[in-house]
Amino acid sequence: MKITQVYFKTDEVSLLDKTWKYSFYGKSVDERGDKSIQYLSNNSDASVSISYNPESFEISIQGQTTLFEALDYNINPTVKSILIDLTTLDLIEIIYILKIAKKNNVNVDCIYCEPDSYKI
């Protein structure tokens, strides 16, 4: 499994020129998340929402909820890479997606939208 990270200022997210079969995202809490999710929707065949509930130990994918330990998500064997949005996902969700990628022998591209106010 190869992991590629890409960081962008919020207003530059549209600069990536690539498409994916699947992309994974979490809950948006600000403009960065909105723009990132919009990019995923425009550049992947299927954008998959994922969230984890730490109180019930349940994970939800596209609104279907199950216990974290029982979840088994298979990716089509023809898929070579997926995109995950680090802007909107929590650590446990990222770990789960990386576990999916490793199980399915899929490379991972990551996107993170940095606030415009950050200085580099």
PDB file of N, CA and C in Angstrom:
ATOM      1  N   MET A   1       0.843  -1.166   0.000  1.00  0.00           N
ATOM      2  CA  MET A   1       0.000   0.000   0.000  1.00  0.00           C
ATOM      3  C   MET A   1       0.892   1.233   0.000  1.00  0.00           C
ATOM      4  N   LYS A   2       0.674   2.108  -0.946  1.00  0.00           N
ATOM      5  CA  LYS A   2       1.416   3.361  -1.043  1.00  0.00           C
ATOM      6  C   LYS A   2       0.488   4.499  -0.638  1.00  0.00           C
ATOM      7  N   ILE A   3       1.001   5.433   0.154  1.00  0.00           N
ATOM      8  CA  ILE A   3       0.205   6.571   0.590  1.00  0.00           C
ATOM      9  C   ILE A   3       0.823   7.846   0.040  1.00  0.00           C
ATOM     10  N   THR A   4       0.015   8.640  -0.632  1.00  0.00           N
ATOM     11  CA  THR A   4       0.438   9.917  -1.180  1.00  0.00           C
ATOM     12  C   THR A   4      -0.361  11.015  -0.494  1.00  0.00           C
ATOM     13  N   GLN A   5       0.321  12.020   0.025  1.00  0.00           N
ATOM     14  CA  GLN A   5      -0.358  13.129   0.694  1.00  0.00           C
ATOM     15  C   GLN A   5      -0.276  14.382  -0.148  1.00  0.00           C
ATOM     16  N   VAL A   6      -1.378  15.102  -0.175  1.00  0.00           N
ATOM     17  CA  VAL A   6      -1.433  16.358  -0.902  1.00  0.00           C
ATOM     18  C   VAL A   6      -2.074  17.393   0.007  1.00  0.00           C
ATOM     19  N   TYR A   7      -1.424  18.539   0.163  1.00  0.00           N
ATOM     20  CA  TYR A   7      -1.949  19.624   0.981  1.00  0.00           C
ATOM     21  C   TYR A   7      -2.208  20.838   0.097  1.00  0.00           C
ATOM     22  N   PHE A   8      -3.328  21.504   0.333  1.00  0.00           N
ATOM     23  CA  PHE A   8      -3.679  22.679  -0.438  1.00  0.00           C
ATOM     24  C   PHE A   8      -4.236  23.757   0.468  1.00  0.00           C
ATOM     25  N   LYS A   9      -4.031  24.989   0.070  1.00  0.00           N
ATOM     26  CA  LYS A   9      -4.796  26.078   0.658  1.00  0.00           C
ATOM     27  C   LYS A   9      -6.232  25.876   0.197  1.00  0.00           C
ATOM     28  N   THR A  10      -7.199  26.351   0.967  1.00  0.00           N
ATOM     29  CA  THR A  10      -8.608  26.110   0.663  1.00  0.00           C
ATOM     30  C   THR A  10      -8.978  26.548  -0.748  1.00  0.00           C
ATOM     31  N   ASP A  11      -8.463  27.666  -1.207  1.00  0.00           N
ATOM     32  CA  ASP A  11      -8.840  28.160  -2.531  1.00  0.00           C
ATOM     33  C   ASP A  11      -8.074  27.487  -3.675  1.00  0.00           C
ATOM     34  N   GLU A  12      -7.174  26.564  -3.386  1.00  0.00           N
ATOM     35  CA  GLU A  12      -6.388  25.887  -4.420  1.00  0.00           C
ATOM     36  C   GLU A  12      -6.801  24.437  -4.633  1.00  0.00           C
ATOM     37  N   VAL A  13      -7.807  23.953  -3.905  1.00  0.00           N
ATOM     38  CA  VAL A  13      -8.124  22.529  -3.938  1.00  0.00           C
ATOM     39  C   VAL A  13      -8.479  22.038  -5.342  1.00  0.00           C
ATOM     40  N   SER A  14      -8.989  22.884  -6.192  1.00  0.00           N
ATOM     41  CA  SER A  14      -9.384  22.459  -7.533  1.00  0.00           C
ATOM     42  C   SER A  14      -8.195  22.241  -8.469  1.00  0.00           C
ATOM     43  N   LEU A  15      -6.962  22.468  -7.995  1.00  0.00           N
ATOM     44  CA  LEU A  15      -5.786  22.351  -8.856  1.00  0.00           C
ATOM     45  C   LEU A  15      -5.390  20.911  -9.166  1.00  0.00           C
ATOM     46  N   LEU A  16      -5.817  19.952  -8.345  1.00  0.00           N
ATOM     47  CA  LEU A  16      -5.483  18.550  -8.617  1.00  0.00           C
ATOM     48  C   LEU A  16      -6.209  18.080  -9.863  1.00  0.00           C
ATOM     49  N   ASP A  17      -5.518  17.379 -10.741  1.00  0.00           N
ATOM     50  CA  ASP A  17      -6.126  16.908 -11.984  1.00  0.00           C
ATOM     51  C   ASP A  17      -6.061  15.383 -12.019  1.00  0.00           C
ATOM     52  N   LYS A  18      -6.952  14.731 -11.271  1.00  0.00           N
ATOM     53  CA  LYS A  18      -6.983  13.279 -11.204  1.00  0.00           C
ATOM     54  C   LYS A  18      -8.378  12.851 -10.773  1.00  0.00           C
ATOM     55  N   THR A  19      -8.762  11.639 -11.119  1.00  0.00           N
ATOM     56  CA  THR A  19     -10.043  11.107 -10.655  1.00  0.00           C
ATOM     57  C   THR A  19      -9.828   9.753  -9.984  1.00  0.00           C
ATOM     58  N   TRP A  20     -10.752   9.388  -9.112  1.00  0.00           N
ATOM     59  CA  TRP A  20     -10.685   8.143  -8.363  1.00  0.00           C
ATOM     60  C   TRP A  20     -12.012   7.418  -8.478  1.00  0.00           C
ATOM     61  N   LYS A  21     -11.997   6.116  -8.266  1.00  0.00           N
ATOM     62  CA  LYS A  21     -13.221   5.331  -8.226  1.00  0.00           C
ATOM     63  C   LYS A  21     -13.973   5.631  -6.925  1.00  0.00           C
ATOM     64  N   TYR A  22     -13.247   5.607  -5.798  1.00  0.00           N
ATOM     65  CA  TYR A  22     -13.849   5.863  -4.491  1.00  0.00           C
ATOM     66  C   TYR A  22     -13.101   6.967  -3.764  1.00  0.00           C
ATOM     67  N   SER A  23     -13.861   7.780  -3.035  1.00  0.00           N
ATOM     68  CA  SER A  23     -13.271   8.733  -2.107  1.00  0.00           C
ATOM     69  C   SER A  23     -14.050   8.639  -0.799  1.00  0.00           C
ATOM     70  N   PHE A  24     -13.355   8.941   0.298  1.00  0.00           N
ATOM     71  CA  PHE A  24     -13.952   8.832   1.626  1.00  0.00           C
ATOM     72  C   PHE A  24     -13.822  10.168   2.345  1.00  0.00           C
ATOM     73  N   TYR A  25     -14.900  10.571   3.024  1.00  0.00           N
ATOM     74  CA  TYR A  25     -14.902  11.842   3.746  1.00  0.00           C
ATOM     75  C   TYR A  25     -15.731  11.729   5.021  1.00  0.00           C
ATOM     76  N   GLY A  26     -15.513  12.691   5.922  1.00  0.00           N
ATOM     77  CA  GLY A  26     -16.262  12.748   7.168  1.00  0.00           C
ATOM     78  C   GLY A  26     -17.191  13.951   7.182  1.00  0.00           C
ATOM     79  N   LYS A  27     -17.498  14.432   8.378  1.00  0.00           N
ATOM     80  CA  LYS A  27     -18.418  15.548   8.541  1.00  0.00           C
ATOM     81  C   LYS A  27     -17.675  16.875   8.354  1.00  0.00           C
ATOM     82  N   SER A  28     -18.244  17.749   7.543  1.00  0.00           N
ATOM     83  CA  SER A  28     -17.672  19.073   7.336  1.00  0.00           C
ATOM     84  C   SER A  28     -18.094  19.996   8.469  1.00  0.00           C
ATOM     85  N   VAL A  29     -17.128  20.773   8.970  1.00  0.00           N
ATOM     86  CA  VAL A  29     -17.439  21.739  10.031  1.00  0.00           C
ATOM     87  C   VAL A  29     -17.121  23.177   9.621  1.00  0.00           C
ATOM     88  N   ASP A  30     -16.569  23.344   8.408  1.00  0.00           N
ATOM     89  CA  ASP A  30     -16.240  24.695   7.950  1.00  0.00           C
ATOM     90  C   ASP A  30     -16.080  24.710   6.430  1.00  0.00           C
ATOM     91  N   GLU A  31     -15.680  25.864   5.903  1.00  0.00           N
ATOM     92  CA  GLU A  31     -15.527  26.048   4.454  1.00  0.00           C
ATOM     93  C   GLU A  31     -14.506  25.074   3.855  1.00  0.00           C
ATOM     94  N   ARG A  32     -13.438  24.796   4.606  1.00  0.00           N
ATOM     95  CA  ARG A  32     -12.415  23.871   4.100  1.00  0.00           C
ATOM     96  C   ARG A  32     -13.029  22.499   3.828  1.00  0.00           C
ATOM     97  N   GLY A  33     -13.808  22.016   4.774  1.00  0.00           N
ATOM     98  CA  GLY A  33     -14.462  20.723   4.607  1.00  0.00           C
ATOM     99  C   GLY A  33     -15.446  20.724   3.456  1.00  0.00           C
ATOM    100  N   ASP A  34     -16.209  21.812   3.329  1.00  0.00           N
ATOM    101  CA  ASP A  34     -17.174  21.924   2.232  1.00  0.00           C
ATOM    102  C   ASP A  34     -16.475  21.857   0.877  1.00  0.00           C
ATOM    103  N   LYS A  35     -15.374  22.611   0.741  1.00  0.00           N
ATOM    104  CA  LYS A  35     -14.645  22.622  -0.530  1.00  0.00           C
ATOM    105  C   LYS A  35     -13.989  21.272  -0.806  1.00  0.00           C
ATOM    106  N   SER A  36     -13.468  20.654   0.222  1.00  0.00           N
ATOM    107  CA  SER A  36     -12.823  19.360   0.062  1.00  0.00           C
ATOM    108  C   SER A  36     -13.839  18.301  -0.378  1.00  0.00           C
ATOM    109  N   ILE A  37     -14.995  18.263   0.285  1.00  0.00           N
ATOM    110  CA  ILE A  37     -16.042  17.300  -0.069  1.00  0.00           C
ATOM    111  C   ILE A  37     -16.546  17.563  -1.486  1.00  0.00           C
ATOM    112  N   GLN A  38     -16.679  18.823  -1.848  1.00  0.00           N
ATOM    113  CA  GLN A  38     -17.094  19.160  -3.207  1.00  0.00           C
ATOM    114  C   GLN A  38     -16.076  18.633  -4.225  1.00  0.00           C
ATOM    115  N   TYR A  39     -14.794  18.790  -3.918  1.00  0.00           N
ATOM    116  CA  TYR A  39     -13.750  18.266  -4.804  1.00  0.00           C
ATOM    117  C   TYR A  39     -13.873  16.752  -4.941  1.00  0.00           C
ATOM    118  N   LEU A  40     -14.059  16.046  -3.829  1.00  0.00           N
ATOM    119  CA  LEU A  40     -14.208  14.589  -3.864  1.00  0.00           C
ATOM    120  C   LEU A  40     -15.405  14.187  -4.717  1.00  0.00           C
ATOM    121  N   SER A  41     -16.518  14.881  -4.537  1.00  0.00           N
ATOM    122  CA  SER A  41     -17.732  14.566  -5.301  1.00  0.00           C
ATOM    123  C   SER A  41     -17.522  14.757  -6.795  1.00  0.00           C
ATOM    124  N   ASN A  42     -16.761  15.794  -7.155  1.00  0.00           N
ATOM    125  CA  ASN A  42     -16.527  16.090  -8.568  1.00  0.00           C
ATOM    126  C   ASN A  42     -15.470  15.206  -9.207  1.00  0.00           C
ATOM    127  N   ASN A  43     -14.608  14.564  -8.401  1.00  0.00           N
ATOM    128  CA  ASN A  43     -13.468  13.846  -8.949  1.00  0.00           C
ATOM    129  C   ASN A  43     -13.407  12.367  -8.579  1.00  0.00           C
ATOM    130  N   SER A  44     -14.517  11.811  -8.154  1.00  0.00           N
ATOM    131  CA  SER A  44     -14.570  10.376  -7.894  1.00  0.00           C
ATOM    132  C   SER A  44     -15.928   9.842  -8.318  1.00  0.00           C
ATOM    133  N   ASP A  45     -15.942   8.569  -8.691  1.00  0.00           N
ATOM    134  CA  ASP A  45     -17.195   7.946  -9.107  1.00  0.00           C
ATOM    135  C   ASP A  45     -18.151   7.774  -7.931  1.00  0.00           C
ATOM    136  N   ALA A  46     -17.606   7.515  -6.751  1.00  0.00           N
ATOM    137  CA  ALA A  46     -18.429   7.327  -5.560  1.00  0.00           C
ATOM    138  C   ALA A  46     -17.762   7.995  -4.366  1.00  0.00           C
ATOM    139  N   SER A  47     -18.435   8.976  -3.785  1.00  0.00           N
ATOM    140  CA  SER A  47     -17.967   9.616  -2.558  1.00  0.00           C
ATOM    141  C   SER A  47     -18.683   8.949  -1.391  1.00  0.00           C
ATOM    142  N   VAL A  48     -17.902   8.434  -0.462  1.00  0.00           N
ATOM    143  CA  VAL A  48     -18.452   7.626   0.629  1.00  0.00           C
ATOM    144  C   VAL A  48     -18.278   8.364   1.952  1.00  0.00           C
ATOM    145  N   SER A  49     -19.399   8.634   2.632  1.00  0.00           N
ATOM    146  CA  SER A  49     -19.318   9.287   3.938  1.00  0.00           C
ATOM    147  C   SER A  49     -19.080   8.221   5.009  1.00  0.00           C
ATOM    148  N   ILE A  50     -18.254   8.564   5.975  1.00  0.00           N
ATOM    149  CA  ILE A  50     -17.917   7.626   7.043  1.00  0.00           C
ATOM    150  C   ILE A  50     -17.841   8.402   8.359  1.00  0.00           C
ATOM    151  N   SER A  51     -18.399   7.812   9.420  1.00  0.00           N
ATOM    152  CA  SER A  51     -18.325   8.447  10.734  1.00  0.00           C
ATOM    153  C   SER A  51     -18.304   7.372  11.817  1.00  0.00           C
ATOM    154  N   TYR A  52     -17.668   7.697  12.922  1.00  0.00           N
ATOM    155  CA  TYR A  52     -17.518   6.773  14.047  1.00  0.00           C
ATOM    156  C   TYR A  52     -18.167   7.375  15.281  1.00  0.00           C
ATOM    157  N   ASN A  53     -18.940   6.559  16.004  1.00  0.00           N
ATOM    158  CA  ASN A  53     -19.570   6.973  17.249  1.00  0.00           C
ATOM    159  C   ASN A  53     -18.821   6.309  18.403  1.00  0.00           C
ATOM    160  N   PRO A  54     -18.016   7.061  19.146  1.00  0.00           N
ATOM    161  CA  PRO A  54     -17.207   6.458  20.210  1.00  0.00           C
ATOM    162  C   PRO A  54     -18.025   5.969  21.406  1.00  0.00           C
ATOM    163  N   GLU A  55     -19.240   6.474  21.571  1.00  0.00           N
ATOM    164  CA  GLU A  55     -20.070   6.032  22.693  1.00  0.00           C
ATOM    165  C   GLU A  55     -20.653   4.646  22.465  1.00  0.00           C
ATOM    166  N   SER A  56     -21.012   4.351  21.218  1.00  0.00           N
ATOM    167  CA  SER A  56     -21.618   3.047  20.910  1.00  0.00           C
ATOM    168  C   SER A  56     -20.648   2.109  20.197  1.00  0.00           C
ATOM    169  N   PHE A  57     -19.427   2.593  19.898  1.00  0.00           N
ATOM    170  CA  PHE A  57     -18.426   1.821  19.150  1.00  0.00           C
ATOM    171  C   PHE A  57     -18.966   1.384  17.794  1.00  0.00           C
ATOM    172  N   GLU A  58     -19.752   2.258  17.179  1.00  0.00           N
ATOM    173  CA  GLU A  58     -20.331   1.963  15.876  1.00  0.00           C
ATOM    174  C   GLU A  58     -19.711   2.869  14.818  1.00  0.00           C
ATOM    175  N   ILE A  59     -19.636   2.322  13.623  1.00  0.00           N
ATOM    176  CA  ILE A  59     -19.149   3.100  12.494  1.00  0.00           C
ATOM    177  C   ILE A  59     -20.258   3.106  11.450  1.00  0.00           C
ATOM    178  N   SER A  60     -20.402   4.230  10.789  1.00  0.00           N
ATOM    179  CA  SER A  60     -21.457   4.391   9.795  1.00  0.00           C
ATOM    180  C   SER A  60     -20.825   4.708   8.449  1.00  0.00           C
ATOM    181  N   ILE A  61     -21.202   3.921   7.448  1.00  0.00           N
ATOM    182  CA  ILE A  61     -20.761   4.173   6.076  1.00  0.00           C
ATOM    183  C   ILE A  61     -22.006   4.378   5.229  1.00  0.00           C
ATOM    184  N   GLN A  62     -22.105   5.571   4.647  1.00  0.00           N
ATOM    185  CA  GLN A  62     -23.264   5.937   3.844  1.00  0.00           C
ATOM    186  C   GLN A  62     -24.567   5.710   4.624  1.00  0.00           C
ATOM    187  N   GLY A  63     -24.547   5.991   5.917  1.00  0.00           N
ATOM    188  CA  GLY A  63     -25.747   5.878   6.738  1.00  0.00           C
ATOM    189  C   GLY A  63     -26.039   4.501   7.285  1.00  0.00           C
ATOM    190  N   GLN A  64     -25.292   3.477   6.865  1.00  0.00           N
ATOM    191  CA  GLN A  64     -25.477   2.132   7.396  1.00  0.00           C
ATOM    192  C   GLN A  64     -24.525   1.937   8.560  1.00  0.00           C
ATOM    193  N   THR A  65     -25.083   1.632   9.736  1.00  0.00           N
ATOM    194  CA  THR A  65     -24.298   1.551  10.951  1.00  0.00           C
ATOM    195  C   THR A  65     -24.096   0.113  11.400  1.00  0.00           C
ATOM    196  N   THR A  66     -22.886  -0.162  11.877  1.00  0.00           N
ATOM    197  CA  THR A  66     -22.558  -1.477  12.421  1.00  0.00           C
ATOM    198  C   THR A  66     -21.473  -1.303  13.477  1.00  0.00           C
ATOM    199  N   LEU A  67     -21.254  -2.337  14.256  1.00  0.00           N
ATOM    200  CA  LEU A  67     -20.170  -2.290  15.229  1.00  0.00           C
ATOM    201  C   LEU A  67     -18.839  -2.210  14.505  1.00  0.00           C
ATOM    202  N   PHE A  68     -17.921  -1.427  15.029  1.00  0.00           N
ATOM    203  CA  PHE A  68     -16.622  -1.218  14.399  1.00  0.00           C
ATOM    204  C   PHE A  68     -15.903  -2.536  14.136  1.00  0.00           C
ATOM    205  N   GLU A  69     -15.894  -3.446  15.125  1.00  0.00           N
ATOM    206  CA  GLU A  69     -15.163  -4.711  14.982  1.00  0.00           C
ATOM    207  C   GLU A  69     -15.781  -5.627  13.924  1.00  0.00           C
ATOM    208  N   ALA A  70     -17.079  -5.469  13.673  1.00  0.00           N
ATOM    209  CA  ALA A  70     -17.774  -6.370  12.749  1.00  0.00           C
ATOM    210  C   ALA A  70     -17.758  -5.884  11.309  1.00  0.00           C
ATOM    211  N   LEU A  71     -17.303  -4.688  11.115  1.00  0.00           N
ATOM    212  CA  LEU A  71     -17.375  -4.089   9.787  1.00  0.00           C
ATOM    213  C   LEU A  71     -16.342  -4.690   8.845  1.00  0.00           C
ATOM    214  N   ASP A  72     -16.782  -5.047   7.664  1.00  0.00           N
ATOM    215  CA  ASP A  72     -15.898  -5.580   6.636  1.00  0.00           C
ATOM    216  C   ASP A  72     -16.310  -4.943   5.317  1.00  0.00           C
ATOM    217  N   TYR A  73     -15.480  -4.107   4.777  1.00  0.00           N
ATOM    218  CA  TYR A  73     -15.805  -3.349   3.573  1.00  0.00           C
ATOM    219  C   TYR A  73     -14.867  -3.775   2.457  1.00  0.00           C
ATOM    220  N   ASN A  74     -15.422  -4.292   1.391  1.00  0.00           N
ATOM    221  CA  ASN A  74     -14.605  -4.748   0.268  1.00  0.00           C
ATOM    222  C   ASN A  74     -14.665  -3.741  -0.872  1.00  0.00           C
ATOM    223  N   ILE A  75     -13.524  -3.508  -1.481  1.00  0.00           N
ATOM    224  CA  ILE A  75     -13.413  -2.603  -2.616  1.00  0.00           C
ATOM    225  C   ILE A  75     -13.235  -3.451  -3.869  1.00  0.00           C
ATOM    226  N   ASN A  76     -13.873  -3.027  -4.929  1.00  0.00           N
ATOM    227  CA  ASN A  76     -13.774  -3.711  -6.216  1.00  0.00           C
ATOM    228  C   ASN A  76     -12.299  -3.980  -6.543  1.00  0.00           C
ATOM    229  N   PRO A  77     -11.956  -5.219  -6.911  1.00  0.00           N
ATOM    230  CA  PRO A  77     -10.548  -5.573  -7.166  1.00  0.00           C
ATOM    231  C   PRO A  77      -9.881  -4.794  -8.295  1.00  0.00           C
ATOM    232  N   THR A  78     -10.652  -4.150  -9.159  1.00  0.00           N
ATOM    233  CA  THR A  78     -10.052  -3.379 -10.253  1.00  0.00           C
ATOM    234  C   THR A  78      -9.591  -1.999  -9.800  1.00  0.00           C
ATOM    235  N   VAL A  79      -9.974  -1.579  -8.594  1.00  0.00           N
ATOM    236  CA  VAL A  79      -9.605  -0.259  -8.083  1.00  0.00           C
ATOM    237  C   VAL A  79      -8.147  -0.281  -7.637  1.00  0.00           C
ATOM    238  N   LYS A  80      -7.363   0.660  -8.125  1.00  0.00           N
ATOM    239  CA  LYS A  80      -5.926   0.730  -7.805  1.00  0.00           C
ATOM    240  C   LYS A  80      -5.625   1.731  -6.702  1.00  0.00           C
ATOM    241  N   SER A  81      -6.437   2.813  -6.607  1.00  0.00           N
ATOM    242  CA  SER A  81      -6.194   3.800  -5.559  1.00  0.00           C
ATOM    243  C   SER A  81      -7.512   4.450  -5.136  1.00  0.00           C
ATOM    244  N   ILE A  82      -7.523   4.930  -3.886  1.00  0.00           N
ATOM    245  CA  ILE A  82      -8.668   5.652  -3.349  1.00  0.00           C
ATOM    246  C   ILE A  82      -8.170   7.001  -2.830  1.00  0.00           C
ATOM    247  N   LEU A  83      -9.104   7.917  -2.615  1.00  0.00           N
ATOM    248  CA  LEU A  83      -8.782   9.234  -2.077  1.00  0.00           C
ATOM    249  C   LEU A  83      -9.476   9.387  -0.735  1.00  0.00           C
ATOM    250  N   ILE A  84      -8.723   9.819   0.291  1.00  0.00           N
ATOM    251  CA  ILE A  84      -9.355  10.106   1.568  1.00  0.00           C
ATOM    252  C   ILE A  84      -9.124  11.566   1.929  1.00  0.00           C
ATOM    253  N   ASP A  85     -10.137  12.155   2.544  1.00  0.00           N
ATOM    254  CA  ASP A  85     -10.111  13.561   2.901  1.00  0.00           C
ATOM    255  C   ASP A  85      -9.710  13.714   4.362  1.00  0.00           C
ATOM    256  N   LEU A  86      -8.476  14.098   4.609  1.00  0.00           N
ATOM    257  CA  LEU A  86      -7.982  14.274   5.967  1.00  0.00           C
ATOM    258  C   LEU A  86      -8.563  15.520   6.628  1.00  0.00           C
ATOM    259  N   THR A  87      -9.163  16.397   5.851  1.00  0.00           N
ATOM    260  CA  THR A  87      -9.754  17.619   6.380  1.00  0.00           C
ATOM    261  C   THR A  87     -10.963  17.297   7.263  1.00  0.00           C
ATOM    262  N   THR A  88     -11.757  16.308   6.859  1.00  0.00           N
ATOM    263  CA  THR A  88     -13.035  16.058   7.534  1.00  0.00           C
ATOM    264  C   THR A  88     -13.061  14.769   8.360  1.00  0.00           C
ATOM    265  N   LEU A  89     -12.073  13.913   8.210  1.00  0.00           N
ATOM    266  CA  LEU A  89     -12.093  12.632   8.917  1.00  0.00           C
ATOM    267  C   LEU A  89     -11.354  12.704  10.253  1.00  0.00           C
ATOM    268  N   ASP A  90     -11.861  11.960  11.237  1.00  0.00           N
ATOM    269  CA  ASP A  90     -11.172  11.816  12.520  1.00  0.00           C
ATOM    270  C   ASP A  90     -10.176  10.668  12.423  1.00  0.00           C
ATOM    271  N   LEU A  91      -9.268  10.593  13.378  1.00  0.00           N
ATOM    272  CA  LEU A  91      -8.195   9.596  13.348  1.00  0.00           C
ATOM    273  C   LEU A  91      -8.726   8.161  13.244  1.00  0.00           C
ATOM    274  N   ILE A  92      -9.729   7.799  14.027  1.00  0.00           N
ATOM    275  CA  ILE A  92     -10.235   6.423  14.007  1.00  0.00           C
ATOM    276  C   ILE A  92     -10.810   6.080  12.633  1.00  0.00           C
ATOM    277  N   GLU A  93     -11.446   7.050  11.978  1.00  0.00           N
ATOM    278  CA  GLU A  93     -11.992   6.829  10.639  1.00  0.00           C
ATOM    279  C   GLU A  93     -10.864   6.657   9.621  1.00  0.00           C
ATOM    280  N   ILE A  94      -9.813   7.451   9.751  1.00  0.00           N
ATOM    281  CA  ILE A  94      -8.652   7.334   8.858  1.00  0.00           C
ATOM    282  C   ILE A  94      -7.999   5.970   9.028  1.00  0.00           C
ATOM    283  N   ILE A  95      -7.829   5.543  10.273  1.00  0.00           N
ATOM    284  CA  ILE A  95      -7.236   4.222  10.533  1.00  0.00           C
ATOM    285  C   ILE A  95      -8.073   3.128   9.900  1.00  0.00           C
ATOM    286  N   TYR A  96      -9.382   3.227  10.044  1.00  0.00           N
ATOM    287  CA  TYR A  96     -10.256   2.207   9.450  1.00  0.00           C
ATOM    288  C   TYR A  96     -10.110   2.179   7.925  1.00  0.00           C
ATOM    289  N   ILE A  97     -10.080   3.349   7.291  1.00  0.00           N
ATOM    290  CA  ILE A  97      -9.950   3.396   5.830  1.00  0.00           C
ATOM    291  C   ILE A  97      -8.601   2.830   5.393  1.00  0.00           C
ATOM    292  N   LEU A  98      -7.534   3.139   6.126  1.00  0.00           N
ATOM    293  CA  LEU A  98      -6.223   2.564   5.801  1.00  0.00           C
ATOM    294  C   LEU A  98      -6.246   1.043   5.952  1.00  0.00           C
ATOM    295  N   LYS A  99      -6.970   0.547   6.939  1.00  0.00           N
ATOM    296  CA  LYS A  99      -7.131  -0.898   7.116  1.00  0.00           C
ATOM    297  C   LYS A  99      -7.857  -1.512   5.906  1.00  0.00           C
ATOM    298  N   ILE A 100      -8.893  -0.832   5.434  1.00  0.00           N
ATOM    299  CA  ILE A 100      -9.624  -1.275   4.236  1.00  0.00           C
ATOM    300  C   ILE A 100      -8.666  -1.319   3.042  1.00  0.00           C
ATOM    301  N   ALA A 101      -7.885  -0.252   2.874  1.00  0.00           N
ATOM    302  CA  ALA A 101      -6.969  -0.158   1.734  1.00  0.00           C
ATOM    303  C   ALA A 101      -5.932  -1.281   1.777  1.00  0.00           C
ATOM    304  N   LYS A 102      -5.384  -1.526   2.948  1.00  0.00           N
ATOM    305  CA  LYS A 102      -4.381  -2.585   3.066  1.00  0.00           C
ATOM    306  C   LYS A 102      -4.995  -3.944   2.765  1.00  0.00           C
ATOM    307  N   LYS A 103      -6.170  -4.213   3.306  1.00  0.00           N
ATOM    308  CA  LYS A 103      -6.858  -5.492   3.081  1.00  0.00           C
ATOM    309  C   LYS A 103      -7.135  -5.712   1.586  1.00  0.00           C
ATOM    310  N   ASN A 104      -7.474  -4.632   0.887  1.00  0.00           N
ATOM    311  CA  ASN A 104      -7.831  -4.723  -0.525  1.00  0.00           C
ATOM    312  C   ASN A 104      -6.668  -4.412  -1.466  1.00  0.00           C
ATOM    313  N   ASN A 105      -5.457  -4.232  -0.904  1.00  0.00           N
ATOM    314  CA  ASN A 105      -4.263  -3.945  -1.697  1.00  0.00           C
ATOM    315  C   ASN A 105      -4.452  -2.735  -2.623  1.00  0.00           C
ATOM    316  N   VAL A 106      -4.919  -1.635  -2.022  1.00  0.00           N
ATOM    317  CA  VAL A 106      -5.230  -0.419  -2.757  1.00  0.00           C
ATOM    318  C   VAL A 106      -4.326   0.704  -2.264  1.00  0.00           C
ATOM    319  N   ASN A 107      -3.796   1.497  -3.175  1.00  0.00           N
ATOM    320  CA  ASN A 107      -3.012   2.668  -2.807  1.00  0.00           C
ATOM    321  C   ASN A 107      -3.933   3.780  -2.321  1.00  0.00           C
ATOM    322  N   VAL A 108      -3.393   4.662  -1.498  1.00  0.00           N
ATOM    323  CA  VAL A 108      -4.189   5.724  -0.891  1.00  0.00           C
ATOM    324  C   VAL A 108      -3.602   7.089  -1.237  1.00  0.00           C
ATOM    325  N   ASP A 109      -4.443   7.965  -1.766  1.00  0.00           N
ATOM    326  CA  ASP A 109      -4.107   9.365  -1.941  1.00  0.00           C
ATOM    327  C   ASP A 109      -4.872  10.130  -0.870  1.00  0.00           C
ATOM    328  N   CYS A 110      -4.213  11.098  -0.249  1.00  0.00           N
ATOM    329  CA  CYS A 110      -4.830  11.881   0.821  1.00  0.00           C
ATOM    330  C   CYS A 110      -4.864  13.343   0.419  1.00  0.00           C
ATOM    331  N   ILE A 111      -5.950  14.008   0.779  1.00  0.00           N
ATOM    332  CA  ILE A 111      -6.047  15.437   0.530  1.00  0.00           C
ATOM    333  C   ILE A 111      -6.352  16.127   1.859  1.00  0.00           C
ATOM    334  N   TYR A 112      -5.730  17.284   2.053  1.00  0.00           N
ATOM    335  CA  TYR A 112      -5.987  18.104   3.233  1.00  0.00           C
ATOM    336  C   TYR A 112      -6.068  19.555   2.801  1.00  0.00           C
ATOM    337  N   CYS A 113      -7.154  20.218   3.136  1.00  0.00           N
ATOM    338  CA  CYS A 113      -7.313  21.634   2.815  1.00  0.00           C
ATOM    339  C   CYS A 113      -6.899  22.455   4.020  1.00  0.00           C
ATOM    340  N   GLU A 114      -5.824  23.167   3.866  1.00  0.00           N
ATOM    341  CA  GLU A 114      -5.284  23.999   4.930  1.00  0.00           C
ATOM    342  C   GLU A 114      -5.974  25.358   4.929  1.00  0.00           C
ATOM    343  N   PRO A 115      -6.256  25.914   6.091  1.00  0.00           N
ATOM    344  CA  PRO A 115      -6.866  27.251   6.121  1.00  0.00           C
ATOM    345  C   PRO A 115      -5.992  28.273   5.391  1.00  0.00           C
ATOM    346  N   ASP A 116      -6.631  29.195   4.700  1.00  0.00           N
ATOM    347  CA  ASP A 116      -5.902  30.224   3.960  1.00  0.00           C
ATOM    348  C   ASP A 116      -5.028  31.081   4.884  1.00  0.00           C
ATOM    349  N   SER A 117      -5.405  31.172   6.146  1.00  0.00           N
ATOM    350  CA  SER A 117      -4.684  32.037   7.073  1.00  0.00           C
ATOM    351  C   SER A 117      -3.368  31.444   7.580  1.00  0.00           C
ATOM    352  N   TYR A 118      -3.122  30.143   7.333  1.00  0.00           N
ATOM    353  CA  TYR A 118      -1.871  29.538   7.775  1.00  0.00           C
ATOM    354  C   TYR A 118      -0.709  30.112   6.975  1.00  0.00           C
ATOM    355  N   LYS A 119       0.380  30.350   7.635  1.00  0.00           N
ATOM    356  CA  LYS A 119       1.588  30.864   6.970  1.00  0.00           C
ATOM    357  C   LYS A 119       2.571  29.727   6.787  1.00  0.00           C
ATOM    358  N   ILE A 120       3.140  29.617   5.603  1.00  0.00           N
ATOM    359  CA  ILE A 120       4.158  28.599   5.340  1.00  0.00           C
ATOM    360  C   ILE A 120       5.486  29.279   5.104  1.00  0.00           C
TER     361      ILE A 120
END
